[in-house]
Protein backbone atom coordinates (compact mmCIF):
# COMPACT_ATOMS: atom_id res chain seq x y z
CA MET A 1 9.07 5.83 17.75
CA ALA A 2 6.16 6.80 15.51
CA ILE A 3 4.11 4.21 13.68
CA LYS A 4 4.79 4.39 9.94
CA GLU A 5 1.87 5.03 7.61
CA ARG A 6 1.75 5.02 3.83
CA VAL A 7 -0.94 5.77 1.22
CA GLY A 8 -0.96 3.68 -1.93
CA LEU A 9 -2.92 1.91 -4.62
CA VAL A 10 -4.10 -1.71 -4.39
CA VAL A 11 -2.54 -3.61 -7.30
CA SER A 12 -3.50 -7.18 -6.31
CA ASN A 13 -6.11 -8.84 -4.09
CA LYS A 14 -5.70 -12.45 -5.24
CA MET A 15 -4.66 -13.72 -1.79
CA GLN A 16 -6.95 -14.38 1.14
CA LYS A 17 -6.94 -11.49 3.65
CA THR A 18 -3.91 -9.93 1.91
CA VAL A 19 -3.55 -7.14 -0.63
CA VAL A 20 -0.50 -5.81 -2.43
CA VAL A 21 -0.25 -2.02 -2.17
CA ALA A 22 2.02 0.02 -4.46
CA VAL A 23 3.34 3.20 -2.84
CA GLU A 24 4.91 5.88 -5.04
CA ASN A 25 7.67 8.16 -3.80
CA ARG A 26 8.46 11.20 -5.92
CA ALA A 27 11.82 12.84 -5.16
CA PRO A 28 14.37 14.86 -7.12
CA HIS A 29 17.42 13.02 -8.38
CA PRO A 30 20.38 13.94 -6.15
CA LYS A 31 22.62 15.02 -9.04
CA TYR A 32 20.35 15.95 -11.96
CA GLY A 33 17.32 17.35 -10.15
CA LYS A 34 14.72 15.56 -12.30
CA ILE A 35 11.74 14.22 -10.36
CA VAL A 36 12.12 10.44 -10.18
CA VAL A 37 9.24 8.11 -9.26
CA GLN A 38 10.16 5.14 -7.09
CA THR A 39 7.53 2.47 -6.42
CA ARG A 40 7.57 0.06 -3.49
CA ARG A 41 5.13 -2.81 -3.09
CA TYR A 42 3.92 -3.79 0.38
CA LYS A 43 1.84 -6.81 1.37
CA ALA A 44 -0.85 -5.64 3.77
CA HIS A 45 -3.39 -7.50 5.90
CA ASP A 46 -7.03 -6.95 4.87
CA GLU A 47 -9.17 -8.77 7.44
CA GLU A 48 -12.56 -8.41 5.69
CA ASN A 49 -11.28 -8.81 2.10
CA GLN A 50 -12.90 -5.43 1.35
CA CYS A 51 -10.18 -3.92 -0.87
CA LYS A 52 -10.47 -4.14 -4.64
CA VAL A 53 -7.83 -3.51 -7.30
CA GLY A 54 -7.61 0.23 -7.90
CA ASP A 55 -8.62 1.34 -4.40
CA ARG A 56 -6.52 4.01 -2.69
CA VAL A 57 -5.81 2.81 0.87
CA ARG A 58 -3.88 3.86 3.97
CA ILE A 59 -1.64 1.16 5.45
CA GLN A 60 0.08 1.07 8.82
CA GLU A 61 3.16 -0.82 10.00
CA THR A 62 2.45 -3.67 12.41
CA ARG A 63 4.13 -6.74 13.87
CA PRO A 64 5.16 -9.47 11.41
CA LEU A 65 2.02 -11.37 10.36
CA SER A 66 3.78 -13.76 7.96
CA LYS A 67 7.10 -14.11 6.18
CA THR A 68 6.58 -10.99 4.03
CA LYS A 69 3.51 -9.27 5.56
CA ARG A 70 4.30 -6.42 7.98
CA TRP A 71 1.54 -3.91 7.17
CA GLN A 72 -2.22 -3.72 7.70
CA VAL A 73 -4.94 -1.74 5.92
CA THR A 74 -6.33 0.91 8.27
CA GLU A 75 -8.82 2.59 5.90
CA VAL A 76 -10.00 2.69 2.32
CA LEU A 77 -9.69 6.29 1.13
CA ASN A 78 -11.12 6.10 -2.41
CA ALA A 79 -12.97 2.93 -3.33
CA LYS A 80 -12.98 2.21 -7.04
CA THR A 81 -16.54 2.12 -8.31
CA THR A 82 -17.61 -0.51 -10.80
CA THR A 83 -19.73 0.89 -13.62
């Protein structure tokens, strides 16, 4: 079985070593054909607290780390720059 990976946007980093990542899925509606955007939020482990709100990250499924945390951040794709 392949390890699941998702790419999403960090929407919260208020917790210690945990970020909330919003992953968008765009798919046509089964009956009407219009593209519908579905958003899922995953809690992911961020060991170094390096992710900021607005970063695009890749997350990977892992063993349960807490009650709701089953993903970990593998890499930061686009870090949001502060200007």
